Amino acid sequence: MQICKCVHFAGFRYGHNEYNPYETYIIELHNGIDEKERKEKFIQFLRYYRPNTFGEALGIKLSKDYALWQYPWEFKINPEFNGHDMNVHLIPDIITHFSSAGIPHNMVDQEFAALDAAYYSISHRGYLPEKFGYAELLQLHNDSNGTNAYILRDGNHRISALSALGYKEFSAHQHKRDLVYRSEVMKWNGVKQGYFTPEDALKIFDLYFTGNKSYKLTNIPAKLV
């Protein structure tokens, strides 16, 4: 799998020399950027990236305010979901830690430890998916032009490290069911239910090919608690 075709579920692409919180941090680690400087940059992103809607999170204009991370092609849609109401200990990805209670210091420290560990492990031993597990992918296929984008369901730290170390490709797993065709937008569950308009659903789909470059930042940063 080509790294440049992979994307974080928040729309940040890999291998494109553009901002990706995980990848940028590890590239700076690899390039010897001062530890305090690179950590402060990452923390600033966490504190200010706190969108209220899916459109704000992806930096795209949609016809209405959709709930965060409710993908139009997924089987289950929860229009009432609000990441800001979540318990701080129930948020799996630090990049989308939007709890109004703030961001725990210990979770940020754990994130830095995980990012550093991925980098040092791969730089010393290489990428060993047969031992430590394969990255998991969701394939988005634009059948009008034959292009693909791959949302990383698992493996963001490892792919960030591989990218920083100059790798262009890696081995991954993809289940047969994890394939979404652009041409089938009217069959996507969120569209069939009437929650997403077809036009908005396609804007979301297409964003994962072009990357999240216009995400909205808040004026009131999250607290570190």
N, C-alpha and C. Protein backbone atom coordinates (compact mmCIF):
# COMPACT_ATOMS: atom_id res chain seq x y z
N MET A 1 0.83 -1.19 0.00
CA MET A 1 0.00 0.00 0.00
C MET A 1 0.88 1.25 0.00
N GLN A 2 0.52 2.25 -0.80
CA GLN A 2 1.26 3.50 -0.86
C GLN A 2 0.85 4.42 0.30
N ILE A 3 1.83 4.94 1.00
CA ILE A 3 1.56 5.82 2.13
C ILE A 3 0.80 7.07 1.68
N CYS A 4 1.12 7.59 0.50
CA CYS A 4 0.50 8.84 0.05
C CYS A 4 -0.99 8.69 -0.26
N LYS A 5 -1.51 7.48 -0.27
CA LYS A 5 -2.93 7.28 -0.49
C LYS A 5 -3.69 7.08 0.82
N CYS A 6 -2.97 7.15 1.94
CA CYS A 6 -3.58 6.91 3.23
C CYS A 6 -3.93 8.21 3.94
N VAL A 7 -4.96 8.14 4.78
CA VAL A 7 -5.48 9.33 5.44
C VAL A 7 -6.01 8.98 6.82
N HIS A 8 -5.80 9.87 7.77
CA HIS A 8 -6.39 9.73 9.11
C HIS A 8 -7.89 9.94 9.00
N PHE A 9 -8.67 9.40 9.93
CA PHE A 9 -10.12 9.52 9.79
C PHE A 9 -10.60 10.97 9.91
N ALA A 10 -9.75 11.86 10.44
CA ALA A 10 -10.09 13.29 10.48
C ALA A 10 -9.69 14.00 9.19
N GLY A 11 -9.23 13.26 8.20
CA GLY A 11 -8.96 13.84 6.90
C GLY A 11 -7.53 14.28 6.65
N PHE A 12 -6.63 14.05 7.59
CA PHE A 12 -5.24 14.45 7.42
C PHE A 12 -4.48 13.37 6.65
N ARG A 13 -3.96 13.74 5.48
CA ARG A 13 -3.29 12.78 4.62
C ARG A 13 -1.85 12.53 5.07
N TYR A 14 -1.32 11.40 4.62
CA TYR A 14 0.07 11.04 4.87
C TYR A 14 0.87 11.17 3.58
N GLY A 15 2.14 11.51 3.74
CA GLY A 15 3.06 11.50 2.60
C GLY A 15 2.86 12.62 1.60
N HIS A 16 2.30 13.76 2.03
CA HIS A 16 2.02 14.86 1.11
C HIS A 16 2.67 16.17 1.53
N ASN A 17 3.56 16.15 2.49
CA ASN A 17 4.21 17.37 2.96
C ASN A 17 3.21 18.43 3.39
N GLU A 18 2.13 17.99 4.02
CA GLU A 18 1.13 18.91 4.57
C GLU A 18 0.88 18.53 6.02
N TYR A 19 0.23 19.42 6.76
CA TYR A 19 0.12 19.17 8.19
C TYR A 19 -0.73 17.94 8.49
N ASN A 20 -0.16 17.05 9.25
CA ASN A 20 -0.83 15.89 9.80
C ASN A 20 -0.30 15.76 11.22
N PRO A 21 -1.12 15.93 12.24
CA PRO A 21 -0.61 16.00 13.62
C PRO A 21 0.36 14.88 13.99
N TYR A 22 0.01 13.65 13.68
CA TYR A 22 0.88 12.51 14.00
C TYR A 22 2.15 12.53 13.16
N GLU A 23 1.96 12.59 11.86
CA GLU A 23 3.09 12.52 10.95
C GLU A 23 4.04 13.69 11.16
N THR A 24 3.51 14.90 11.31
CA THR A 24 4.35 16.08 11.50
C THR A 24 5.20 15.95 12.76
N TYR A 25 4.59 15.46 13.84
CA TYR A 25 5.34 15.28 15.08
C TYR A 25 6.52 14.33 14.89
N ILE A 26 6.28 13.18 14.23
CA ILE A 26 7.34 12.20 14.09
C ILE A 26 8.40 12.67 13.08
N ILE A 27 7.99 13.38 12.06
CA ILE A 27 8.97 13.95 11.13
C ILE A 27 9.89 14.92 11.88
N GLU A 28 9.32 15.73 12.75
CA GLU A 28 10.13 16.67 13.53
C GLU A 28 11.04 15.92 14.50
N LEU A 29 10.56 14.83 15.07
CA LEU A 29 11.40 13.99 15.92
C LEU A 29 12.57 13.45 15.10
N HIS A 30 12.28 12.94 13.91
CA HIS A 30 13.31 12.39 13.03
C HIS A 30 14.33 13.44 12.61
N ASN A 31 13.87 14.66 12.43
CA ASN A 31 14.74 15.75 11.97
C ASN A 31 15.46 16.46 13.11
N GLY A 32 15.27 15.98 14.33
CA GLY A 32 16.00 16.54 15.47
C GLY A 32 15.47 17.87 15.98
N ILE A 33 14.21 18.17 15.69
CA ILE A 33 13.60 19.40 16.22
C ILE A 33 13.52 19.30 17.74
N ASP A 34 13.77 20.41 18.40
CA ASP A 34 13.76 20.45 19.86
C ASP A 34 12.49 19.81 20.43
N GLU A 35 12.66 18.96 21.44
CA GLU A 35 11.54 18.20 22.01
C GLU A 35 10.43 19.12 22.51
N LYS A 36 10.80 20.17 23.24
CA LYS A 36 9.79 21.08 23.77
C LYS A 36 9.02 21.74 22.64
N GLU A 37 9.70 22.15 21.59
CA GLU A 37 9.06 22.83 20.47
C GLU A 37 8.06 21.93 19.76
N ARG A 38 8.47 20.69 19.46
CA ARG A 38 7.56 19.82 18.72
C ARG A 38 6.37 19.39 19.58
N LYS A 39 6.59 19.22 20.88
CA LYS A 39 5.49 18.84 21.76
C LYS A 39 4.51 20.00 21.93
N GLU A 40 5.02 21.20 22.05
CA GLU A 40 4.13 22.36 22.19
C GLU A 40 3.27 22.55 20.95
N LYS A 41 3.84 22.31 19.76
CA LYS A 41 3.07 22.42 18.53
C LYS A 41 1.92 21.41 18.51
N PHE A 42 2.21 20.19 18.92
CA PHE A 42 1.19 19.14 18.96
C PHE A 42 0.10 19.50 19.96
N ILE A 43 0.50 19.96 21.14
CA ILE A 43 -0.47 20.30 22.18
C ILE A 43 -1.34 21.48 21.74
N GLN A 44 -0.75 22.46 21.09
CA GLN A 44 -1.53 23.60 20.61
C GLN A 44 -2.60 23.15 19.63
N PHE A 45 -2.23 22.21 18.76
CA PHE A 45 -3.24 21.68 17.84
C PHE A 45 -4.38 21.04 18.62
N LEU A 46 -4.06 20.19 19.59
CA LEU A 46 -5.09 19.52 20.37
C LEU A 46 -6.01 20.50 21.07
N ARG A 47 -5.46 21.56 21.59
CA ARG A 47 -6.24 22.52 22.38
C ARG A 47 -7.16 23.37 21.51
N TYR A 48 -6.78 23.60 20.26
CA TYR A 48 -7.57 24.50 19.41
C TYR A 48 -8.40 23.78 18.34
N TYR A 49 -8.09 22.52 18.06
CA TYR A 49 -8.89 21.77 17.08
C TYR A 49 -10.05 21.12 17.82
N ARG A 50 -11.17 21.85 17.90
CA ARG A 50 -12.33 21.39 18.66
C ARG A 50 -13.62 21.73 17.91
N PRO A 51 -13.77 21.18 16.71
CA PRO A 51 -14.95 21.49 15.89
C PRO A 51 -16.24 20.99 16.53
N ASN A 52 -17.33 21.65 16.19
CA ASN A 52 -18.64 21.24 16.68
C ASN A 52 -19.41 20.40 15.67
N THR A 53 -19.05 20.53 14.40
CA THR A 53 -19.77 19.81 13.34
C THR A 53 -18.78 19.07 12.45
N PHE A 54 -19.29 18.15 11.68
CA PHE A 54 -18.45 17.38 10.77
C PHE A 54 -17.82 18.29 9.72
N GLY A 55 -18.59 19.25 9.23
CA GLY A 55 -18.06 20.17 8.23
C GLY A 55 -16.90 21.00 8.78
N GLU A 56 -17.03 21.47 10.03
CA GLU A 56 -15.94 22.22 10.66
C GLU A 56 -14.71 21.34 10.83
N ALA A 57 -14.92 20.08 11.19
CA ALA A 57 -13.81 19.16 11.42
C ALA A 57 -13.01 18.92 10.14
N LEU A 58 -13.71 18.84 9.01
CA LEU A 58 -13.06 18.54 7.73
C LEU A 58 -12.74 19.79 6.92
N GLY A 59 -13.21 20.93 7.37
CA GLY A 59 -12.92 22.17 6.65
C GLY A 59 -13.67 22.30 5.34
N ILE A 60 -14.90 21.79 5.31
CA ILE A 60 -15.72 21.89 4.09
C ILE A 60 -17.08 22.48 4.44
N LYS A 61 -17.67 23.16 3.46
CA LYS A 61 -18.98 23.78 3.65
C LYS A 61 -20.06 22.79 3.24
N LEU A 62 -20.92 22.43 4.18
CA LEU A 62 -22.01 21.50 3.93
C LEU A 62 -23.34 22.22 4.12
N SER A 63 -24.40 21.61 3.64
CA SER A 63 -25.69 22.28 3.65
C SER A 63 -26.33 22.34 5.03
N LYS A 64 -25.83 21.52 5.97
CA LYS A 64 -26.35 21.57 7.33
C LYS A 64 -25.27 21.10 8.30
N ASP A 65 -25.55 21.24 9.59
CA ASP A 65 -24.58 20.87 10.62
C ASP A 65 -24.74 19.39 10.97
N TYR A 66 -23.85 18.58 10.42
CA TYR A 66 -23.89 17.15 10.70
C TYR A 66 -23.08 16.83 11.96
N ALA A 67 -23.52 15.81 12.67
CA ALA A 67 -22.82 15.39 13.88
C ALA A 67 -21.43 14.88 13.52
N LEU A 68 -20.51 15.05 14.45
CA LEU A 68 -19.13 14.62 14.22
C LEU A 68 -19.02 13.13 13.96
N TRP A 69 -18.17 12.80 12.98
CA TRP A 69 -17.73 11.44 12.69
C TRP A 69 -18.87 10.47 12.37
N GLN A 70 -19.97 11.01 11.84
CA GLN A 70 -21.05 10.15 11.36
C GLN A 70 -20.91 10.04 9.83
N TYR A 71 -20.22 9.01 9.40
CA TYR A 71 -19.90 8.87 7.98
C TYR A 71 -21.12 8.41 7.20
N PRO A 72 -21.40 9.02 6.05
CA PRO A 72 -22.62 8.68 5.32
C PRO A 72 -22.69 7.25 4.84
N TRP A 73 -21.54 6.59 4.73
CA TRP A 73 -21.54 5.21 4.23
C TRP A 73 -21.61 4.18 5.35
N GLU A 74 -21.52 4.61 6.62
CA GLU A 74 -21.55 3.65 7.73
C GLU A 74 -22.96 3.13 7.97
N PHE A 75 -23.04 1.94 8.56
CA PHE A 75 -24.34 1.30 8.78
C PHE A 75 -25.14 2.03 9.85
N LYS A 76 -24.47 2.46 10.92
CA LYS A 76 -25.16 3.13 12.01
C LYS A 76 -24.86 4.63 11.98
N ILE A 77 -25.91 5.42 12.10
CA ILE A 77 -25.79 6.88 12.13
C ILE A 77 -26.40 7.37 13.44
N ASN A 78 -25.64 8.20 14.17
CA ASN A 78 -26.15 8.77 15.42
C ASN A 78 -26.16 10.29 15.30
N PRO A 79 -27.28 10.88 14.87
CA PRO A 79 -27.34 12.32 14.64
C PRO A 79 -27.19 13.14 15.92
N GLU A 80 -27.32 12.49 17.08
CA GLU A 80 -27.24 13.19 18.36
C GLU A 80 -25.83 13.17 18.94
N PHE A 81 -24.90 12.52 18.27
CA PHE A 81 -23.55 12.40 18.83
C PHE A 81 -22.90 13.77 18.97
N ASN A 82 -22.26 13.98 20.11
CA ASN A 82 -21.53 15.23 20.36
C ASN A 82 -20.25 14.88 21.10
N GLY A 83 -19.13 14.97 20.41
CA GLY A 83 -17.86 14.61 21.01
C GLY A 83 -17.49 15.44 22.22
N HIS A 84 -18.10 16.61 22.37
CA HIS A 84 -17.79 17.49 23.49
C HIS A 84 -18.43 16.99 24.79
N ASP A 85 -19.41 16.09 24.68
CA ASP A 85 -20.08 15.57 25.87
C ASP A 85 -19.45 14.27 26.37
N MET A 86 -18.44 13.76 25.69
CA MET A 86 -17.89 12.45 26.02
C MET A 86 -17.04 12.50 27.29
N ASN A 87 -17.07 11.38 28.01
CA ASN A 87 -16.18 11.20 29.15
C ASN A 87 -14.73 11.21 28.67
N VAL A 88 -13.86 11.90 29.39
CA VAL A 88 -12.47 12.04 28.94
C VAL A 88 -11.77 10.69 28.78
N HIS A 89 -12.26 9.67 29.46
CA HIS A 89 -11.59 8.36 29.42
C HIS A 89 -12.18 7.44 28.35
N LEU A 90 -13.15 7.92 27.59
CA LEU A 90 -13.80 7.09 26.58
C LEU A 90 -13.48 7.55 25.16
N ILE A 91 -12.48 8.41 25.02
CA ILE A 91 -12.13 8.94 23.71
C ILE A 91 -10.88 8.23 23.20
N PRO A 92 -10.99 7.45 22.13
CA PRO A 92 -9.88 6.60 21.71
C PRO A 92 -8.74 7.30 21.00
N ASP A 93 -9.01 8.45 20.38
CA ASP A 93 -7.99 9.12 19.56
C ASP A 93 -7.76 10.51 20.11
N ILE A 94 -6.53 10.80 20.52
CA ILE A 94 -6.21 12.08 21.14
C ILE A 94 -6.48 13.25 20.20
N ILE A 95 -6.40 13.04 18.90
CA ILE A 95 -6.64 14.12 17.94
C ILE A 95 -8.08 14.61 18.02
N THR A 96 -9.00 13.73 18.39
CA THR A 96 -10.41 14.11 18.48
C THR A 96 -10.88 14.09 19.93
N HIS A 97 -10.03 14.54 20.82
CA HIS A 97 -10.37 14.59 22.23
C HIS A 97 -11.05 15.93 22.51
N PHE A 98 -12.36 15.98 22.28
CA PHE A 98 -13.09 17.24 22.35
C PHE A 98 -13.88 17.41 23.65
N SER A 99 -13.71 16.53 24.62
CA SER A 99 -14.50 16.60 25.84
C SER A 99 -14.41 17.99 26.47
N SER A 100 -15.55 18.51 26.87
CA SER A 100 -15.59 19.84 27.51
C SER A 100 -14.87 19.84 28.85
N ALA A 101 -14.61 18.67 29.40
CA ALA A 101 -13.89 18.58 30.67
C ALA A 101 -12.41 18.91 30.51
N GLY A 102 -11.93 18.90 29.27
CA GLY A 102 -10.53 19.18 29.02
C GLY A 102 -9.76 17.93 28.60
N ILE A 103 -8.46 18.10 28.42
CA ILE A 103 -7.60 17.01 27.95
C ILE A 103 -6.65 16.63 29.09
N PRO A 104 -6.72 15.39 29.58
CA PRO A 104 -5.85 14.98 30.68
C PRO A 104 -4.38 14.99 30.30
N HIS A 105 -3.55 15.56 31.16
CA HIS A 105 -2.10 15.59 30.93
C HIS A 105 -1.56 14.18 30.68
N ASN A 106 -2.05 13.21 31.47
CA ASN A 106 -1.49 11.87 31.36
C ASN A 106 -1.77 11.24 30.00
N MET A 107 -2.92 11.60 29.37
CA MET A 107 -3.24 11.06 28.04
C MET A 107 -2.34 11.68 26.98
N VAL A 108 -2.01 12.96 27.15
CA VAL A 108 -1.07 13.60 26.22
C VAL A 108 0.31 12.97 26.35
N ASP A 109 0.74 12.73 27.58
CA ASP A 109 2.04 12.09 27.80
C ASP A 109 2.07 10.68 27.21
N GLN A 110 0.96 9.96 27.35
CA GLN A 110 0.88 8.61 26.77
C GLN A 110 0.96 8.66 25.25
N GLU A 111 0.36 9.71 24.68
CA GLU A 111 0.40 9.86 23.22
C GLU A 111 1.82 10.11 22.74
N PHE A 112 2.53 10.99 23.42
CA PHE A 112 3.92 11.24 23.05
C PHE A 112 4.76 9.97 23.17
N ALA A 113 4.52 9.20 24.22
CA ALA A 113 5.27 7.96 24.42
C ALA A 113 4.98 6.97 23.29
N ALA A 114 3.71 6.90 22.86
CA ALA A 114 3.34 5.97 21.78
C ALA A 114 3.95 6.40 20.45
N LEU A 115 3.93 7.70 20.17
CA LEU A 115 4.51 8.21 18.93
C LEU A 115 6.02 7.96 18.91
N ASP A 116 6.69 8.27 20.01
CA ASP A 116 8.14 8.05 20.09
C ASP A 116 8.47 6.58 19.94
N ALA A 117 7.67 5.72 20.60
CA ALA A 117 7.93 4.29 20.56
C ALA A 117 7.80 3.73 19.15
N ALA A 118 6.78 4.19 18.42
CA ALA A 118 6.59 3.74 17.04
C ALA A 118 7.79 4.12 16.18
N TYR A 119 8.25 5.33 16.36
CA TYR A 119 9.39 5.80 15.56
C TYR A 119 10.66 5.01 15.88
N TYR A 120 10.99 4.88 17.16
CA TYR A 120 12.23 4.21 17.53
C TYR A 120 12.18 2.72 17.21
N SER A 121 11.02 2.11 17.36
CA SER A 121 10.89 0.69 17.04
C SER A 121 11.14 0.43 15.56
N ILE A 122 10.48 1.21 14.70
CA ILE A 122 10.63 1.00 13.26
C ILE A 122 12.00 1.43 12.77
N SER A 123 12.55 2.49 13.34
CA SER A 123 13.88 2.94 12.90
C SER A 123 14.96 1.93 13.25
N HIS A 124 14.76 1.16 14.33
CA HIS A 124 15.78 0.19 14.74
C HIS A 124 15.51 -1.22 14.22
N ARG A 125 14.23 -1.60 14.13
CA ARG A 125 13.90 -2.98 13.76
C ARG A 125 13.15 -3.11 12.45
N GLY A 126 12.69 -1.97 11.91
CA GLY A 126 11.89 -2.03 10.71
C GLY A 126 10.42 -2.23 11.02
N TYR A 127 9.62 -2.23 9.98
CA TYR A 127 8.18 -2.43 10.11
C TYR A 127 7.91 -3.93 10.13
N LEU A 128 7.40 -4.43 11.25
CA LEU A 128 7.20 -5.88 11.44
C LEU A 128 5.73 -6.18 11.71
N PRO A 129 4.88 -6.05 10.70
CA PRO A 129 3.44 -6.25 10.93
C PRO A 129 3.09 -7.67 11.34
N GLU A 130 3.86 -8.65 10.87
CA GLU A 130 3.56 -10.04 11.25
C GLU A 130 3.77 -10.27 12.73
N LYS A 131 4.56 -9.41 13.37
CA LYS A 131 4.82 -9.53 14.81
C LYS A 131 3.96 -8.58 15.64
N PHE A 132 3.78 -7.36 15.16
CA PHE A 132 3.10 -6.34 15.95
C PHE A 132 1.71 -5.98 15.41
N GLY A 133 1.32 -6.59 14.31
CA GLY A 133 0.00 -6.32 13.76
C GLY A 133 0.04 -5.46 12.51
N TYR A 134 -0.86 -5.74 11.58
CA TYR A 134 -0.95 -4.99 10.33
C TYR A 134 -1.83 -3.75 10.49
N ALA A 135 -1.50 -2.71 9.76
CA ALA A 135 -2.39 -1.56 9.67
C ALA A 135 -3.69 -2.02 9.02
N GLU A 136 -4.81 -1.45 9.47
CA GLU A 136 -6.13 -1.81 8.95
C GLU A 136 -6.71 -0.65 8.14
N LEU A 137 -7.27 -0.96 6.99
CA LEU A 137 -7.70 0.08 6.05
C LEU A 137 -9.18 0.00 5.70
N LEU A 138 -9.76 1.17 5.44
CA LEU A 138 -11.06 1.28 4.80
C LEU A 138 -10.81 1.94 3.45
N GLN A 139 -11.16 1.27 2.38
CA GLN A 139 -10.90 1.78 1.03
C GLN A 139 -12.06 2.60 0.51
N LEU A 140 -11.77 3.81 0.03
CA LEU A 140 -12.74 4.63 -0.67
C LEU A 140 -12.35 4.60 -2.15
N HIS A 141 -13.26 4.16 -2.99
CA HIS A 141 -12.95 4.01 -4.41
C HIS A 141 -13.80 4.95 -5.25
N ASN A 142 -13.13 5.85 -5.96
CA ASN A 142 -13.81 6.74 -6.90
C ASN A 142 -13.81 6.05 -8.25
N ASP A 143 -14.92 5.39 -8.56
CA ASP A 143 -14.96 4.60 -9.78
C ASP A 143 -15.16 5.44 -11.03
N SER A 144 -15.27 6.76 -10.88
CA SER A 144 -15.34 7.61 -12.08
C SER A 144 -13.96 7.84 -12.68
N ASN A 145 -12.92 7.75 -11.85
CA ASN A 145 -11.56 7.96 -12.37
C ASN A 145 -10.57 6.89 -11.90
N GLY A 146 -11.06 5.90 -11.16
CA GLY A 146 -10.22 4.78 -10.75
C GLY A 146 -9.27 5.05 -9.61
N THR A 147 -9.44 6.17 -8.89
CA THR A 147 -8.54 6.49 -7.79
C THR A 147 -9.05 5.95 -6.46
N ASN A 148 -8.14 5.82 -5.50
CA ASN A 148 -8.48 5.29 -4.19
C ASN A 148 -7.87 6.14 -3.09
N ALA A 149 -8.56 6.19 -1.96
CA ALA A 149 -8.01 6.73 -0.72
C ALA A 149 -8.29 5.69 0.35
N TYR A 150 -7.41 5.61 1.35
CA TYR A 150 -7.52 4.58 2.37
C TYR A 150 -7.50 5.22 3.75
N ILE A 151 -8.64 5.15 4.44
CA ILE A 151 -8.71 5.65 5.81
C ILE A 151 -8.09 4.59 6.73
N LEU A 152 -7.15 5.02 7.54
CA LEU A 152 -6.50 4.10 8.48
C LEU A 152 -7.42 3.84 9.66
N ARG A 153 -7.94 2.64 9.75
CA ARG A 153 -8.73 2.25 10.92
C ARG A 153 -7.81 2.00 12.10
N ASP A 154 -6.61 1.56 11.80
CA ASP A 154 -5.61 1.30 12.84
C ASP A 154 -4.23 1.40 12.18
N GLY A 155 -3.27 2.03 12.89
CA GLY A 155 -1.92 2.09 12.36
C GLY A 155 -1.39 3.49 12.11
N ASN A 156 -2.07 4.52 12.63
CA ASN A 156 -1.65 5.90 12.36
C ASN A 156 -0.25 6.20 12.88
N HIS A 157 0.11 5.68 14.04
CA HIS A 157 1.45 5.92 14.58
C HIS A 157 2.51 5.26 13.70
N ARG A 158 2.25 4.02 13.32
CA ARG A 158 3.23 3.28 12.53
C ARG A 158 3.43 3.89 11.14
N ILE A 159 2.34 4.31 10.51
CA ILE A 159 2.46 4.89 9.18
C ILE A 159 3.14 6.25 9.25
N SER A 160 2.90 6.98 10.32
CA SER A 160 3.61 8.25 10.52
C SER A 160 5.11 8.01 10.62
N ALA A 161 5.50 6.98 11.37
CA ALA A 161 6.92 6.67 11.52
C ALA A 161 7.52 6.23 10.19
N LEU A 162 6.81 5.39 9.47
CA LEU A 162 7.30 4.94 8.17
C LEU A 162 7.51 6.12 7.22
N SER A 163 6.55 7.04 7.22
CA SER A 163 6.66 8.20 6.35
C SER A 163 7.87 9.05 6.73
N ALA A 164 8.06 9.28 8.02
CA ALA A 164 9.19 10.07 8.49
C ALA A 164 10.52 9.44 8.11
N LEU A 165 10.54 8.11 8.07
CA LEU A 165 11.78 7.38 7.77
C LEU A 165 12.00 7.19 6.27
N GLY A 166 11.11 7.73 5.46
CA GLY A 166 11.32 7.70 4.02
C GLY A 166 10.67 6.55 3.29
N TYR A 167 9.90 5.71 3.98
CA TYR A 167 9.20 4.62 3.32
C TYR A 167 8.09 5.20 2.42
N LYS A 168 7.82 4.53 1.33
CA LYS A 168 6.75 4.93 0.42
C LYS A 168 5.59 3.94 0.43
N GLU A 169 5.87 2.70 0.82
CA GLU A 169 4.86 1.65 0.81
C GLU A 169 4.93 0.83 2.09
N PHE A 170 3.86 0.12 2.39
CA PHE A 170 3.82 -0.74 3.58
C PHE A 170 2.78 -1.83 3.36
N SER A 171 2.84 -2.87 4.15
CA SER A 171 1.86 -3.96 4.09
C SER A 171 0.70 -3.66 5.03
N ALA A 172 -0.51 -3.97 4.59
CA ALA A 172 -1.70 -3.68 5.39
C ALA A 172 -2.76 -4.73 5.15
N HIS A 173 -3.79 -4.72 5.99
CA HIS A 173 -4.93 -5.61 5.84
C HIS A 173 -6.18 -4.78 5.54
N GLN A 174 -7.03 -5.33 4.71
CA GLN A 174 -8.31 -4.71 4.43
C GLN A 174 -9.36 -5.79 4.30
N HIS A 175 -10.42 -5.71 5.12
CA HIS A 175 -11.51 -6.66 5.02
C HIS A 175 -12.34 -6.36 3.76
N LYS A 176 -12.91 -7.38 3.19
CA LYS A 176 -13.68 -7.21 1.96
C LYS A 176 -14.82 -6.23 2.13
N ARG A 177 -15.40 -6.18 3.34
CA ARG A 177 -16.53 -5.28 3.56
C ARG A 177 -16.10 -3.81 3.67
N ASP A 178 -14.80 -3.59 3.87
CA ASP A 178 -14.30 -2.23 4.06
C ASP A 178 -13.95 -1.58 2.73
N LEU A 179 -14.96 -1.44 1.89
CA LEU A 179 -14.79 -0.86 0.55
C LEU A 179 -16.03 -0.05 0.23
N VAL A 180 -15.82 1.24 -0.07
CA VAL A 180 -16.93 2.15 -0.36
C VAL A 180 -16.77 2.69 -1.78
N TYR A 181 -17.80 2.53 -2.61
CA TYR A 181 -17.78 3.02 -3.98
C TYR A 181 -18.51 4.37 -4.06
N ARG A 182 -17.86 5.33 -4.69
CA ARG A 182 -18.48 6.66 -4.83
C ARG A 182 -19.77 6.59 -5.63
N SER A 183 -19.81 5.74 -6.63
CA SER A 183 -20.99 5.65 -7.50
C SER A 183 -22.22 5.11 -6.77
N GLU A 184 -22.02 4.52 -5.61
CA GLU A 184 -23.14 3.93 -4.88
C GLU A 184 -23.66 4.85 -3.78
N VAL A 185 -23.42 6.16 -3.92
CA VAL A 185 -23.80 7.11 -2.88
C VAL A 185 -25.27 6.98 -2.47
N MET A 186 -26.16 6.71 -3.42
CA MET A 186 -27.58 6.61 -3.08
C MET A 186 -27.90 5.37 -2.26
N LYS A 187 -26.95 4.44 -2.19
CA LYS A 187 -27.13 3.22 -1.40
C LYS A 187 -26.52 3.36 0.00
N TRP A 188 -25.74 4.41 0.21
CA TRP A 188 -25.12 4.58 1.53
C TRP A 188 -26.20 4.78 2.58
N ASN A 189 -26.02 4.18 3.73
CA ASN A 189 -27.07 4.16 4.74
C ASN A 189 -27.49 5.56 5.18
N GLY A 190 -26.50 6.45 5.39
CA GLY A 190 -26.84 7.80 5.84
C GLY A 190 -27.65 8.58 4.82
N VAL A 191 -27.45 8.29 3.54
CA VAL A 191 -28.22 8.93 2.47
C VAL A 191 -29.60 8.30 2.37
N LYS A 192 -29.66 6.97 2.44
CA LYS A 192 -30.94 6.26 2.37
C LYS A 192 -31.87 6.69 3.51
N GLN A 193 -31.29 6.95 4.68
CA GLN A 193 -32.09 7.36 5.83
C GLN A 193 -32.54 8.82 5.74
N GLY A 194 -31.96 9.56 4.79
CA GLY A 194 -32.32 10.96 4.63
C GLY A 194 -31.56 11.91 5.53
N TYR A 195 -30.58 11.40 6.25
CA TYR A 195 -29.80 12.28 7.13
C TYR A 195 -28.83 13.13 6.33
N PHE A 196 -28.13 12.50 5.39
CA PHE A 196 -27.21 13.21 4.50
C PHE A 196 -27.86 13.46 3.14
N THR A 197 -27.63 14.64 2.58
CA THR A 197 -27.99 14.83 1.18
C THR A 197 -26.90 14.13 0.36
N PRO A 198 -27.23 13.67 -0.85
CA PRO A 198 -26.20 13.03 -1.69
C PRO A 198 -25.03 13.97 -1.96
N GLU A 199 -25.33 15.26 -2.14
CA GLU A 199 -24.27 16.22 -2.43
C GLU A 199 -23.31 16.36 -1.26
N ASP A 200 -23.84 16.44 -0.05
CA ASP A 200 -22.97 16.55 1.13
C ASP A 200 -22.19 15.26 1.35
N ALA A 201 -22.84 14.13 1.13
CA ALA A 201 -22.17 12.84 1.31
C ALA A 201 -20.96 12.74 0.38
N LEU A 202 -21.11 13.21 -0.85
CA LEU A 202 -20.00 13.16 -1.80
C LEU A 202 -18.89 14.16 -1.45
N LYS A 203 -19.26 15.30 -0.90
CA LYS A 203 -18.24 16.26 -0.45
C LYS A 203 -17.38 15.64 0.64
N ILE A 204 -18.01 14.92 1.55
CA ILE A 204 -17.27 14.25 2.63
C ILE A 204 -16.36 13.18 2.04
N PHE A 205 -16.91 12.37 1.16
CA PHE A 205 -16.13 11.32 0.50
C PHE A 205 -14.92 11.91 -0.21
N ASP A 206 -15.12 12.96 -0.99
CA ASP A 206 -14.05 13.54 -1.80
C ASP A 206 -12.97 14.19 -0.95
N LEU A 207 -13.33 14.68 0.24
CA LEU A 207 -12.34 15.33 1.10
C LEU A 207 -11.20 14.39 1.44
N TYR A 208 -11.49 13.10 1.55
CA TYR A 208 -10.45 12.14 1.92
C TYR A 208 -9.44 11.90 0.79
N PHE A 209 -9.73 12.41 -0.38
CA PHE A 209 -8.79 12.34 -1.50
C PHE A 209 -7.92 13.59 -1.57
N THR A 210 -8.47 14.72 -1.16
CA THR A 210 -7.76 16.00 -1.29
C THR A 210 -7.11 16.46 0.01
N GLY A 211 -7.56 15.94 1.14
CA GLY A 211 -6.93 16.26 2.41
C GLY A 211 -7.59 17.40 3.17
N ASN A 212 -7.43 17.36 4.49
CA ASN A 212 -8.03 18.33 5.39
C ASN A 212 -7.05 19.49 5.60
N LYS A 213 -7.23 20.54 4.85
CA LYS A 213 -6.32 21.69 4.93
C LYS A 213 -6.99 22.94 5.47
N SER A 214 -8.30 22.91 5.66
CA SER A 214 -9.04 24.11 6.07
C SER A 214 -9.89 23.87 7.32
N TYR A 215 -9.46 22.94 8.17
CA TYR A 215 -10.20 22.64 9.39
C TYR A 215 -10.35 23.89 10.25
N LYS A 216 -11.45 23.95 11.00
CA LYS A 216 -11.73 25.12 11.82
C LYS A 216 -11.11 24.99 13.19
N LEU A 217 -10.51 26.08 13.69
CA LEU A 217 -9.95 26.13 15.04
C LEU A 217 -10.84 26.99 15.92
N THR A 218 -10.88 26.67 17.19
CA THR A 218 -11.68 27.42 18.14
C THR A 218 -10.92 28.64 18.65
N ASN A 219 -11.66 29.60 19.16
CA ASN A 219 -11.05 30.76 19.81
C ASN A 219 -10.77 30.51 21.28
N ILE A 220 -11.43 29.49 21.82
CA ILE A 220 -11.28 29.17 23.25
C ILE A 220 -10.64 27.80 23.37
N PRO A 221 -9.37 27.73 23.70
CA PRO A 221 -8.66 26.43 23.73
C PRO A 221 -9.12 25.55 24.89
N ALA A 222 -8.96 24.27 24.70
CA ALA A 222 -9.27 23.31 25.76
C ALA A 222 -8.27 23.44 26.90
N LYS A 223 -8.71 23.08 28.09
CA LYS A 223 -7.82 23.06 29.24
C LYS A 223 -7.06 21.74 29.27
N LEU A 224 -5.86 21.79 29.79
CA LEU A 224 -5.13 20.57 30.12
C LEU A 224 -5.39 20.31 31.59
N VAL A 225 -5.90 19.13 31.91
CA VAL A 225 -6.32 18.85 33.28
C VAL A 225 -5.57 17.65 33.86
